[in-house]
Amino acid sequence: MTIDELLKYDTELFLYLNNLGSETWDQLWLLITAELTFVPLYAILLYLIYKKLGLKSLLILVVVIALMITFTDQITNVFKRGFQRLRPCGEPSIADQLRFIAVRCGKYGFFSGHASNSMAAAIFAGLMLKPYYKYLMGILIVWSLIVAYSRIYVGVHYPLDLLCGLTFGVFGGTLFYLIAQFLLKRYARD
């Protein structure tokens, strides 16, 4: 399969998924895709970390989390500028086939920052809290997949943008979990 064929299938899948939506659900998906919607979830996760690991560990982890989000976000931007793949909402050849387009489109979409950041957060928090909350990792991964799908629904990412973003998020979340474990063993001893 050539890259052109892969991109053609990616576009076809995007159009199919984007056109599954309905006006009834538009506002919900706009809410899901909004960056600040999940601040309460992040606050709950930080509280759980504090409750299980203590204040000193929480302070170390807040720094690690900030570095993780910065890392995933900036690498995403490097890829977007490097590949320069137009977002579906900015692609003139399919503009008339989209059912729904978000208000803000942006220019380039490969790969998705929402997908990479949400998956990195899910993997990181899931691994940190796995000894205490057995099903949390699965719940957070499902949440991340819903956030990723919202990007197709609002017309700003192709499925491959999301798949690559989610994959990078797994890498980023795991890498920063390992960094956090090292720092916690070194600096958070009781």
C-alpha atoms as a PDB file:
ATOM      1  CA  MET A   1       0.000   0.000   0.000  1.00  0.00           C
ATOM      2  CA  THR A   2       1.369   3.413  -0.942  1.00  0.00           C
ATOM      3  CA  ILE A   3       1.194   6.493   1.260  1.00  0.00           C
ATOM      4  CA  ASP A   4      -1.329   8.013  -1.175  1.00  0.00           C
ATOM      5  CA  GLU A   5      -3.608   4.985  -0.810  1.00  0.00           C
ATOM      6  CA  LEU A   6      -3.269   5.108   2.980  1.00  0.00           C
ATOM      7  CA  LEU A   7      -4.189   8.804   3.022  1.00  0.00           C
ATOM      8  CA  LYS A   8      -7.145   8.122   0.703  1.00  0.00           C
ATOM      9  CA  TYR A   9      -8.475   5.443   3.093  1.00  0.00           C
ATOM     10  CA  ASP A  10      -7.823   7.755   6.026  1.00  0.00           C
ATOM     11  CA  THR A  11      -9.891  10.491   4.361  1.00  0.00           C
ATOM     12  CA  GLU A  12     -12.707   8.065   3.529  1.00  0.00           C
ATOM     13  CA  LEU A  13     -12.821   6.792   7.122  1.00  0.00           C
ATOM     14  CA  PHE A  14     -12.760  10.357   8.426  1.00  0.00           C
ATOM     15  CA  LEU A  15     -15.698  11.371   6.207  1.00  0.00           C
ATOM     16  CA  TYR A  16     -17.673   8.305   7.267  1.00  0.00           C
ATOM     17  CA  LEU A  17     -17.093   8.962  10.985  1.00  0.00           C
ATOM     18  CA  ASN A  18     -17.635  12.725  10.719  1.00  0.00           C
ATOM     19  CA  ASN A  19     -20.947  12.159   8.968  1.00  0.00           C
ATOM     20  CA  LEU A  20     -22.244   9.833  11.702  1.00  0.00           C
ATOM     21  CA  GLY A  21     -22.992  12.846  13.881  1.00  0.00           C
ATOM     22  CA  SER A  22     -26.257  14.694  14.322  1.00  0.00           C
ATOM     23  CA  GLU A  23     -27.274  18.136  15.517  1.00  0.00           C
ATOM     24  CA  THR A  24     -28.573  16.568  18.715  1.00  0.00           C
ATOM     25  CA  TRP A  25     -25.027  15.607  19.753  1.00  0.00           C
ATOM     26  CA  ASP A  26     -23.032  18.570  18.401  1.00  0.00           C
ATOM     27  CA  GLN A  27     -22.919  20.529  21.668  1.00  0.00           C
ATOM     28  CA  LEU A  28     -21.885  17.475  23.698  1.00  0.00           C
ATOM     29  CA  TRP A  29     -18.943  16.756  21.369  1.00  0.00           C
ATOM     30  CA  LEU A  30     -17.926  20.421  21.402  1.00  0.00           C
ATOM     31  CA  LEU A  31     -17.905  20.238  25.207  1.00  0.00           C
ATOM     32  CA  ILE A  32     -15.855  17.019  25.173  1.00  0.00           C
ATOM     33  CA  THR A  33     -13.282  18.487  22.786  1.00  0.00           C
ATOM     34  CA  ALA A  34     -12.866  21.743  24.765  1.00  0.00           C
ATOM     35  CA  GLU A  35      -9.486  21.839  26.517  1.00  0.00           C
ATOM     36  CA  LEU A  36     -10.797  23.049  29.893  1.00  0.00           C
ATOM     37  CA  THR A  37     -13.680  20.563  30.187  1.00  0.00           C
ATOM     38  CA  PHE A  38     -11.587  17.991  31.991  1.00  0.00           C
ATOM     39  CA  VAL A  39      -9.891  20.253  34.531  1.00  0.00           C
ATOM     40  CA  PRO A  40     -12.105  18.728  37.275  1.00  0.00           C
ATOM     41  CA  LEU A  41     -10.921  15.231  36.253  1.00  0.00           C
ATOM     42  CA  TYR A  42      -7.294  16.346  36.472  1.00  0.00           C
ATOM     43  CA  ALA A  43      -7.978  17.911  39.879  1.00  0.00           C
ATOM     44  CA  ILE A  44      -9.484  14.623  41.109  1.00  0.00           C
ATOM     45  CA  LEU A  45      -6.465  12.674  39.832  1.00  0.00           C
ATOM     46  CA  LEU A  46      -4.097  15.082  41.604  1.00  0.00           C
ATOM     47  CA  TYR A  47      -6.147  14.698  44.790  1.00  0.00           C
ATOM     48  CA  LEU A  48      -5.931  10.899  44.527  1.00  0.00           C
ATOM     49  CA  ILE A  49      -2.168  11.124  44.044  1.00  0.00           C
ATOM     50  CA  TYR A  50      -1.918  13.398  47.086  1.00  0.00           C
ATOM     51  CA  LYS A  51      -4.122  11.075  49.138  1.00  0.00           C
ATOM     52  CA  LYS A  52      -2.118   7.957  48.258  1.00  0.00           C
ATOM     53  CA  LEU A  53       1.434   9.327  47.915  1.00  0.00           C
ATOM     54  CA  GLY A  54       1.566  12.472  50.062  1.00  0.00           C
ATOM     55  CA  LEU A  55       2.367  16.141  49.531  1.00  0.00           C
ATOM     56  CA  LYS A  56       6.080  15.798  48.753  1.00  0.00           C
ATOM     57  CA  SER A  57       5.364  13.224  46.033  1.00  0.00           C
ATOM     58  CA  LEU A  58       2.518  15.351  44.667  1.00  0.00           C
ATOM     59  CA  LEU A  59       4.815  18.379  44.289  1.00  0.00           C
ATOM     60  CA  ILE A  60       7.399  16.304  42.416  1.00  0.00           C
ATOM     61  CA  LEU A  61       4.691  14.814  40.217  1.00  0.00           C
ATOM     62  CA  VAL A  62       3.155  18.198  39.369  1.00  0.00           C
ATOM     63  CA  VAL A  63       6.529  19.252  37.948  1.00  0.00           C
ATOM     64  CA  VAL A  64       6.857  15.959  36.041  1.00  0.00           C
ATOM     65  CA  ILE A  65       3.301  16.290  34.674  1.00  0.00           C
ATOM     66  CA  ALA A  66       3.964  19.867  33.524  1.00  0.00           C
ATOM     67  CA  LEU A  67       7.119  18.678  31.747  1.00  0.00           C
ATOM     68  CA  MET A  68       5.223  15.748  30.206  1.00  0.00           C
ATOM     69  CA  ILE A  69       2.444  17.929  28.797  1.00  0.00           C
ATOM     70  CA  THR A  70       4.994  20.449  27.508  1.00  0.00           C
ATOM     71  CA  PHE A  71       6.972  17.614  25.900  1.00  0.00           C
ATOM     72  CA  THR A  72       3.980  15.990  24.170  1.00  0.00           C
ATOM     73  CA  ASP A  73       2.587  19.347  23.095  1.00  0.00           C
ATOM     74  CA  GLN A  74       5.863  20.629  21.634  1.00  0.00           C
ATOM     75  CA  ILE A  75       6.697  17.376  19.835  1.00  0.00           C
ATOM     76  CA  THR A  76       3.188  17.482  18.360  1.00  0.00           C
ATOM     77  CA  ASN A  77       3.924  20.980  17.036  1.00  0.00           C
ATOM     78  CA  VAL A  78       7.225  19.810  15.527  1.00  0.00           C
ATOM     79  CA  PHE A  79       5.359  17.077  13.640  1.00  0.00           C
ATOM     80  CA  LYS A  80       2.605  19.456  12.511  1.00  0.00           C
ATOM     81  CA  ARG A  81       5.128  21.928  11.106  1.00  0.00           C
ATOM     82  CA  GLY A  82       7.236  19.143   9.620  1.00  0.00           C
ATOM     83  CA  PHE A  83       4.479  17.191   7.847  1.00  0.00           C
ATOM     84  CA  GLN A  84       2.205  20.176   7.124  1.00  0.00           C
ATOM     85  CA  ARG A  85      -0.840  17.970   6.552  1.00  0.00           C
ATOM     86  CA  LEU A  86      -3.891  20.195   6.331  1.00  0.00           C
ATOM     87  CA  ARG A  87      -6.649  19.527   8.804  1.00  0.00           C
ATOM     88  CA  PRO A  88      -9.790  18.088   7.203  1.00  0.00           C
ATOM     89  CA  CYS A  89     -11.691  21.311   7.947  1.00  0.00           C
ATOM     90  CA  GLY A  90      -9.042  23.199   5.944  1.00  0.00           C
ATOM     91  CA  GLU A  91      -8.843  20.765   3.033  1.00  0.00           C
ATOM     92  CA  PRO A  92     -10.696  22.329   0.062  1.00  0.00           C
ATOM     93  CA  SER A  93     -11.183  18.980  -1.727  1.00  0.00           C
ATOM     94  CA  ILE A  94     -13.470  17.624   1.030  1.00  0.00           C
ATOM     95  CA  ALA A  95     -14.886  20.816   2.585  1.00  0.00           C
ATOM     96  CA  ASP A  96     -18.348  20.273   1.081  1.00  0.00           C
ATOM     97  CA  GLN A  97     -18.504  16.687   2.426  1.00  0.00           C
ATOM     98  CA  LEU A  98     -18.053  17.468   6.131  1.00  0.00           C
ATOM     99  CA  ARG A  99     -21.179  17.294   8.272  1.00  0.00           C
ATOM    100  CA  PHE A 100     -19.819  19.367  11.111  1.00  0.00           C
ATOM    101  CA  ILE A 101     -16.865  21.712  11.477  1.00  0.00           C
ATOM    102  CA  ALA A 102     -15.662  23.288  14.701  1.00  0.00           C
ATOM    103  CA  VAL A 103     -15.505  27.065  14.919  1.00  0.00           C
ATOM    104  CA  ARG A 104     -11.675  27.081  15.028  1.00  0.00           C
ATOM    105  CA  CYS A 105     -10.000  24.929  12.432  1.00  0.00           C
ATOM    106  CA  GLY A 106      -6.268  25.600  12.672  1.00  0.00           C
ATOM    107  CA  LYS A 107      -3.931  24.846   9.794  1.00  0.00           C
ATOM    108  CA  TYR A 108      -2.068  21.555  10.271  1.00  0.00           C
ATOM    109  CA  GLY A 109      -3.280  18.449  12.036  1.00  0.00           C
ATOM    110  CA  PHE A 110      -0.710  15.648  11.970  1.00  0.00           C
ATOM    111  CA  PHE A 111      -0.643  14.512  14.717  1.00  0.00           C
ATOM    112  CA  SER A 112      -3.293  15.358  17.286  1.00  0.00           C
ATOM    113  CA  GLY A 113      -2.202  17.208  20.410  1.00  0.00           C
ATOM    114  CA  HIS A 114      -5.504  16.426  22.129  1.00  0.00           C
ATOM    115  CA  ALA A 115      -4.946  12.723  21.515  1.00  0.00           C
ATOM    116  CA  SER A 116      -1.301  12.723  22.597  1.00  0.00           C
ATOM    117  CA  ASN A 117      -1.850  14.837  25.712  1.00  0.00           C
ATOM    118  CA  SER A 118      -4.971  13.011  26.898  1.00  0.00           C
ATOM    119  CA  MET A 119      -3.379   9.593  26.369  1.00  0.00           C
ATOM    120  CA  ALA A 120      -0.132  10.665  28.064  1.00  0.00           C
ATOM    121  CA  ALA A 121      -2.156  11.864  31.058  1.00  0.00           C
ATOM    122  CA  ALA A 122      -4.189   8.638  31.080  1.00  0.00           C
ATOM    123  CA  ILE A 123      -1.145   6.376  30.975  1.00  0.00           C
ATOM    124  CA  PHE A 124       0.807   8.432  33.510  1.00  0.00           C
ATOM    125  CA  ALA A 125      -2.037   8.691  36.041  1.00  0.00           C
ATOM    126  CA  GLY A 126      -3.102   5.109  35.424  1.00  0.00           C
ATOM    127  CA  LEU A 127       0.394   3.791  36.119  1.00  0.00           C
ATOM    128  CA  MET A 128       0.900   6.040  39.162  1.00  0.00           C
ATOM    129  CA  LEU A 129      -2.391   4.966  40.730  1.00  0.00           C
ATOM    130  CA  LYS A 130      -2.522   1.356  39.502  1.00  0.00           C
ATOM    131  CA  PRO A 131      -1.589  -0.128  42.902  1.00  0.00           C
ATOM    132  CA  TYR A 132      -4.580   1.627  44.495  1.00  0.00           C
ATOM    133  CA  TYR A 133      -7.278   1.703  41.795  1.00  0.00           C
ATOM    134  CA  LYS A 134      -7.426  -1.456  39.713  1.00  0.00           C
ATOM    135  CA  TYR A 135      -9.697  -0.201  36.903  1.00  0.00           C
ATOM    136  CA  LEU A 136      -8.553   3.411  36.688  1.00  0.00           C
ATOM    137  CA  MET A 137      -6.153   2.842  33.785  1.00  0.00           C
ATOM    138  CA  GLY A 138      -8.910   1.331  31.632  1.00  0.00           C
ATOM    139  CA  ILE A 139     -11.330   4.131  32.489  1.00  0.00           C
ATOM    140  CA  LEU A 140      -8.737   6.793  31.632  1.00  0.00           C
ATOM    141  CA  ILE A 141      -7.852   5.113  28.334  1.00  0.00           C
ATOM    142  CA  VAL A 142     -11.542   5.029  27.347  1.00  0.00           C
ATOM    143  CA  TRP A 143     -11.768   8.723  28.299  1.00  0.00           C
ATOM    144  CA  SER A 144      -8.747   9.466  26.082  1.00  0.00           C
ATOM    145  CA  LEU A 145     -10.289   7.576  23.150  1.00  0.00           C
ATOM    146  CA  ILE A 146     -13.512   9.579  23.537  1.00  0.00           C
ATOM    147  CA  VAL A 147     -11.522  12.826  23.529  1.00  0.00           C
ATOM    148  CA  ALA A 148      -9.708  11.613  20.405  1.00  0.00           C
ATOM    149  CA  TYR A 149     -12.943  10.733  18.605  1.00  0.00           C
ATOM    150  CA  SER A 150     -14.311  14.190  19.411  1.00  0.00           C
ATOM    151  CA  ARG A 151     -11.601  15.598  17.134  1.00  0.00           C
ATOM    152  CA  ILE A 152     -13.035  13.660  14.170  1.00  0.00           C
ATOM    153  CA  TYR A 153     -16.567  14.684  15.108  1.00  0.00           C
ATOM    154  CA  VAL A 154     -15.680  18.396  15.044  1.00  0.00           C
ATOM    155  CA  GLY A 155     -13.801  18.001  11.758  1.00  0.00           C
ATOM    156  CA  VAL A 156     -10.257  18.873  12.806  1.00  0.00           C
ATOM    157  CA  HIS A 157      -8.384  15.532  12.645  1.00  0.00           C
ATOM    158  CA  TYR A 158      -8.160  12.455  10.470  1.00  0.00           C
ATOM    159  CA  PRO A 159      -8.091   9.005  12.110  1.00  0.00           C
ATOM    160  CA  LEU A 160      -4.342   8.627  11.409  1.00  0.00           C
ATOM    161  CA  ASP A 161      -3.718  11.943  13.205  1.00  0.00           C
ATOM    162  CA  LEU A 162      -5.421  10.418  16.232  1.00  0.00           C
ATOM    163  CA  LEU A 163      -3.783   7.003  16.013  1.00  0.00           C
ATOM    164  CA  CYS A 164      -0.323   8.571  15.868  1.00  0.00           C
ATOM    165  CA  GLY A 165      -1.197  11.042  18.640  1.00  0.00           C
ATOM    166  CA  LEU A 166      -2.533   8.283  20.892  1.00  0.00           C
ATOM    167  CA  THR A 167       0.548   6.147  20.231  1.00  0.00           C
ATOM    168  CA  PHE A 168       2.855   9.047  21.024  1.00  0.00           C
ATOM    169  CA  GLY A 169       0.801   9.686  24.166  1.00  0.00           C
ATOM    170  CA  VAL A 170       1.421   6.114  25.343  1.00  0.00           C
ATOM    171  CA  PHE A 171       5.149   6.656  24.786  1.00  0.00           C
ATOM    172  CA  GLY A 172       5.132  10.042  26.559  1.00  0.00           C
ATOM    173  CA  GLY A 173       3.038   8.855  29.500  1.00  0.00           C
ATOM    174  CA  THR A 174       5.242   5.800  30.011  1.00  0.00           C
ATOM    175  CA  LEU A 175       8.491   7.760  29.662  1.00  0.00           C
ATOM    176  CA  PHE A 176       7.437  10.367  32.214  1.00  0.00           C
ATOM    177  CA  TYR A 177       6.087   7.692  34.555  1.00  0.00           C
ATOM    178  CA  LEU A 178       9.583   6.157  34.557  1.00  0.00           C
ATOM    179  CA  ILE A 179      11.129   9.576  35.167  1.00  0.00           C
ATOM    180  CA  ALA A 180       8.663  10.154  38.015  1.00  0.00           C
ATOM    181  CA  GLN A 181       9.516   6.789  39.585  1.00  0.00           C
ATOM    182  CA  PHE A 182      13.207   7.672  39.525  1.00  0.00           C
ATOM    183  CA  LEU A 183      12.585  11.106  41.075  1.00  0.00           C
ATOM    184  CA  LEU A 184      10.220   9.744  43.719  1.00  0.00           C
ATOM    185  CA  LYS A 185      12.747   7.098  44.824  1.00  0.00           C
ATOM    186  CA  ARG A 186      15.478   9.685  44.964  1.00  0.00           C
ATOM    187  CA  TYR A 187      13.704  12.692  46.503  1.00  0.00           C
ATOM    188  CA  ALA A 188      10.483  11.556  48.160  1.00  0.00           C
ATOM    189  CA  ARG A 189      11.851   9.134  50.706  1.00  0.00           C
ATOM    190  CA  ASP A 190      10.107   9.385  54.025  1.00  0.00           C
END
